[in-house]
Amino acid sequence: MKAHTAETQSTVTPARALDFLKEGNQRFIRNLRANRDLLSQVNDTKNGQFPFAVILSCIDSRTSAELIFDQGLGDIFSARVAGNIINEDILGSMEYSCKVAGSKLIVVLGHSKCGAVTSACKGVQMGNITALLSKMQDSVDEVSREKPGTDTGSPEFVEAVAHHNVIHTMDEILKRSAVLKEMFEAGEIGIAGGYYDVESGEVEFVKEILHD
């Protein structure tokens, strides 16, 4: 499998970009990796890169987007931060990925048994972690309203917050980036939210807003 070129990237629609990821995840959970020569891809990408998607995922060691979606060198931009939250630097990276480098899809990828989400639900405060976890407070508050009386440290509550955080982050991207919102409204990019199961290796796409 060859690395993407400017020509192949230009023909990819947001919907097709998502298909690439879904197909890759199916290969991953079946342990059937695509036949690619990574050293050849090093050579193919030495003068430029043409990724078809940018994926925001957690720093969790089990959630490498390149592995989960069976992608090679030059295929995707990968942004990682605990709790897959959004901030100014991540937004700037996404704007570069889409507006400058031509990516067609933004994916927010949450996951089960997330330590950052668990900490946010428990109200952990420690150093700079406090500010990071505060970015998930809207999701904690919303799930608290939806599930009154539920133990905020319970697995059920944590999973609900992790799911909500994916959708909330998607909304924040379009709310806080005029560049990405303009591209999205013009049909140049799509956005999707996925949820990775650390037990099965499967990604469930919980929300997709795409253009053909």
Protein backbone atom coordinates (compact mmCIF):
# COMPACT_ATOMS: atom_id res chain seq x y z
CA MET A 1 0.00 0.00 0.00
CA LYS A 2 1.44 3.33 -1.11
CA ALA A 3 1.48 6.59 0.85
CA HIS A 4 -1.05 9.20 -0.18
CA THR A 5 -0.01 11.77 -2.76
CA ALA A 6 -1.39 15.21 -3.58
CA GLU A 7 -3.41 13.58 -6.35
CA THR A 8 -4.95 10.83 -4.22
CA GLN A 9 -5.63 13.22 -1.34
CA SER A 10 -7.48 15.62 -3.64
CA THR A 11 -9.92 12.90 -4.70
CA VAL A 12 -10.81 11.88 -1.13
CA THR A 13 -14.17 13.11 0.17
CA PRO A 14 -14.92 13.40 3.90
CA ALA A 15 -17.15 10.33 3.62
CA ARG A 16 -14.45 8.31 1.87
CA ALA A 17 -11.91 9.40 4.47
CA LEU A 18 -14.15 7.95 7.16
CA ASP A 19 -14.51 4.75 5.15
CA PHE A 20 -10.71 4.43 5.10
CA LEU A 21 -10.68 4.57 8.89
CA LYS A 22 -13.58 2.14 9.33
CA GLU A 23 -11.97 -0.34 6.95
CA GLY A 24 -8.67 0.02 8.78
CA ASN A 25 -10.26 -0.64 12.16
CA GLN A 26 -11.92 -3.77 10.79
CA ARG A 27 -8.49 -4.98 9.64
CA PHE A 28 -7.09 -4.18 13.08
CA ILE A 29 -9.65 -6.17 15.06
CA ARG A 30 -9.20 -9.10 12.66
CA ASN A 31 -5.41 -8.88 12.91
CA LEU A 32 -5.20 -8.43 9.12
CA ARG A 33 -2.90 -5.47 8.59
CA ALA A 34 -2.65 -3.93 5.13
CA ASN A 35 0.38 -4.96 3.14
CA ARG A 36 2.57 -1.86 3.26
CA ASP A 37 6.31 -1.28 3.12
CA LEU A 38 6.95 1.38 5.77
CA LEU A 39 10.49 2.04 4.59
CA SER A 40 9.12 2.60 1.11
CA GLN A 41 6.61 5.03 2.60
CA VAL A 42 9.49 6.87 4.28
CA ASN A 43 10.91 7.45 0.81
CA ASP A 44 7.50 8.30 -0.66
CA THR A 45 6.88 11.00 1.95
CA LYS A 46 10.36 12.51 2.18
CA ASN A 47 9.37 15.54 0.12
CA GLY A 48 5.87 16.08 1.48
CA GLN A 49 2.85 14.67 3.29
CA PHE A 50 -0.79 14.44 2.23
CA PRO A 51 -2.81 12.98 5.12
CA PHE A 52 -6.54 12.50 4.53
CA ALA A 53 -7.63 12.99 8.16
CA VAL A 54 -6.65 14.50 11.50
CA ILE A 55 -7.50 12.46 14.60
CA LEU A 56 -7.66 13.83 18.13
CA SER A 57 -7.22 11.00 20.62
CA CYS A 58 -6.18 10.49 24.24
CA ILE A 59 -2.56 9.97 25.28
CA ASP A 60 -3.55 6.57 26.70
CA SER A 61 -0.90 4.06 25.60
CA ARG A 62 -3.62 1.78 24.21
CA THR A 63 -5.09 4.33 21.81
CA SER A 64 -2.57 4.91 19.02
CA ALA A 65 -4.69 6.07 16.08
CA GLU A 66 -2.22 4.77 13.48
CA LEU A 67 -2.50 1.25 14.91
CA ILE A 68 -6.23 1.27 15.70
CA PHE A 69 -7.07 2.36 12.15
CA ASP A 70 -4.22 0.46 10.45
CA GLN A 71 -2.73 3.50 8.74
CA GLY A 72 0.79 4.05 7.48
CA LEU A 73 3.25 6.91 7.28
CA GLY A 74 1.77 10.07 5.83
CA ASP A 75 -1.86 8.90 6.10
CA ILE A 76 -3.17 10.78 9.13
CA PHE A 77 -2.31 13.66 11.43
CA SER A 78 -2.43 12.49 15.04
CA ALA A 79 -3.07 14.92 17.90
CA ARG A 80 -3.01 13.45 21.41
CA VAL A 81 -3.83 14.88 24.80
CA ALA A 82 -5.25 13.34 27.97
CA GLY A 83 -9.03 13.11 27.73
CA ASN A 84 -9.01 14.10 24.02
CA ILE A 85 -9.93 17.65 25.04
CA ILE A 86 -9.69 20.72 22.86
CA ASN A 87 -7.50 23.76 23.42
CA GLU A 88 -5.98 26.56 21.35
CA ASP A 89 -2.94 24.51 20.32
CA ILE A 90 -5.02 21.53 19.21
CA LEU A 91 -7.34 23.83 17.26
CA GLY A 92 -4.37 25.45 15.56
CA SER A 93 -2.99 22.04 14.67
CA MET A 94 -6.35 21.04 13.17
CA GLU A 95 -6.54 24.26 11.18
CA TYR A 96 -3.09 23.53 9.76
CA SER A 97 -4.07 19.95 8.98
CA CYS A 98 -7.19 20.91 7.05
CA LYS A 99 -6.65 24.40 5.66
CA VAL A 100 -2.94 24.15 4.84
CA ALA A 101 -2.24 20.43 4.40
CA GLY A 102 -5.55 19.40 2.84
CA SER A 103 -7.02 16.84 5.24
CA LYS A 104 -10.70 16.12 4.64
CA LEU A 105 -11.89 14.76 7.98
CA ILE A 106 -11.60 15.57 11.68
CA VAL A 107 -12.13 12.70 14.12
CA VAL A 108 -12.46 13.01 17.89
CA LEU A 109 -11.64 9.62 19.39
CA GLY A 110 -12.58 8.85 22.98
CA HIS A 111 -12.15 5.48 24.65
CA SER A 112 -13.43 3.22 27.40
CA LYS A 113 -11.83 3.08 30.84
CA CYS A 114 -10.23 6.50 30.35
CA GLY A 115 -8.12 7.56 33.32
CA ALA A 116 -8.47 11.26 32.53
CA VAL A 117 -12.26 11.08 32.36
CA THR A 118 -12.33 9.01 35.56
CA SER A 119 -10.22 11.67 37.29
CA ALA A 120 -12.51 14.45 36.04
CA CYS A 121 -15.55 12.59 37.38
CA LYS A 122 -13.87 12.22 40.77
CA GLY A 123 -12.86 15.90 40.88
CA VAL A 124 -9.12 15.21 41.08
CA GLN A 125 -6.95 18.30 41.57
CA MET A 126 -3.17 18.16 41.11
CA GLY A 127 -0.83 20.64 39.48
CA ASN A 128 -1.52 21.33 35.83
CA ILE A 129 -3.83 18.31 35.68
CA THR A 130 -6.47 20.44 37.41
CA ALA A 131 -6.79 22.83 34.45
CA LEU A 132 -6.81 19.97 31.95
CA LEU A 133 -9.58 18.09 33.75
CA SER A 134 -11.66 21.26 34.03
CA LYS A 135 -12.15 21.12 30.26
CA MET A 136 -14.32 18.03 30.80
CA GLN A 137 -16.47 19.62 33.49
CA ASP A 138 -19.28 20.52 31.07
CA SER A 139 -19.66 16.82 30.25
CA VAL A 140 -19.54 15.84 33.92
CA ASP A 141 -22.23 18.42 34.73
CA GLU A 142 -24.46 17.38 31.83
CA VAL A 143 -24.32 13.68 32.69
CA SER A 144 -25.01 14.56 36.33
CA ARG A 145 -28.21 16.27 35.19
CA GLU A 146 -29.13 13.34 32.96
CA LYS A 147 -28.40 10.73 35.65
CA PRO A 148 -29.31 12.33 38.97
CA GLY A 149 -28.23 10.36 41.98
CA THR A 150 -25.71 8.25 40.08
CA ASP A 151 -22.36 7.72 41.78
CA THR A 152 -19.98 9.97 39.83
CA GLY A 153 -17.17 7.47 40.35
CA SER A 154 -19.11 4.50 38.99
CA PRO A 155 -18.09 2.87 35.69
CA GLU A 156 -21.53 3.67 34.25
CA PHE A 157 -21.15 7.38 34.99
CA VAL A 158 -17.57 7.53 33.72
CA GLU A 159 -18.47 5.86 30.43
CA ALA A 160 -21.40 8.25 29.94
CA VAL A 161 -19.11 11.22 30.50
CA ALA A 162 -16.50 9.82 28.10
CA HIS A 163 -19.16 9.47 25.39
CA HIS A 164 -20.53 12.95 26.06
CA ASN A 165 -17.03 14.42 26.01
CA VAL A 166 -16.54 13.20 22.43
CA ILE A 167 -19.67 15.01 21.22
CA HIS A 168 -18.89 18.08 23.30
CA THR A 169 -15.39 18.29 21.84
CA MET A 170 -16.79 18.01 18.30
CA ASP A 171 -19.15 20.90 19.04
CA GLU A 172 -16.36 22.98 20.55
CA ILE A 173 -14.17 22.55 17.47
CA LEU A 174 -16.75 24.10 15.17
CA LYS A 175 -17.71 26.70 17.78
CA ARG A 176 -14.19 27.89 18.51
CA SER A 177 -12.53 27.69 15.07
CA ALA A 178 -13.87 30.04 12.42
CA VAL A 179 -11.46 28.49 9.92
CA LEU A 180 -12.74 24.95 10.42
CA LYS A 181 -16.38 26.01 10.63
CA GLU A 182 -16.10 27.81 7.28
CA MET A 183 -14.51 24.75 5.67
CA PHE A 184 -17.15 22.49 7.21
CA GLU A 185 -20.04 24.65 6.02
CA ALA A 186 -18.51 24.74 2.54
CA GLY A 187 -18.45 20.94 2.48
CA GLU A 188 -14.65 20.82 2.32
CA ILE A 189 -14.29 18.80 5.52
CA GLY A 190 -16.37 16.52 7.70
CA ILE A 191 -16.24 15.74 11.40
CA ALA A 192 -16.91 12.52 13.28
CA GLY A 193 -16.75 11.20 16.80
CA GLY A 194 -15.51 7.71 17.63
CA TYR A 195 -15.33 5.62 20.78
CA TYR A 196 -12.63 2.98 21.14
CA ASP A 197 -13.24 -0.13 23.25
CA VAL A 198 -9.96 -1.06 24.96
CA GLU A 199 -11.23 -4.62 25.46
CA SER A 200 -12.21 -5.45 21.87
CA GLY A 201 -10.14 -3.01 19.81
CA GLU A 202 -13.27 -1.86 17.97
CA VAL A 203 -14.19 1.75 17.25
CA GLU A 204 -17.86 2.74 17.38
CA PHE A 205 -18.62 5.96 15.51
CA VAL A 206 -21.15 7.76 17.65
CA LYS A 207 -21.68 10.83 15.45
CA GLU A 208 -20.87 11.58 11.82
CA ILE A 209 -21.41 14.88 10.02
CA LEU A 210 -20.12 14.36 6.52
CA HIS A 211 -20.30 15.61 2.96
CA ASP A 212 -20.00 13.28 -0.05
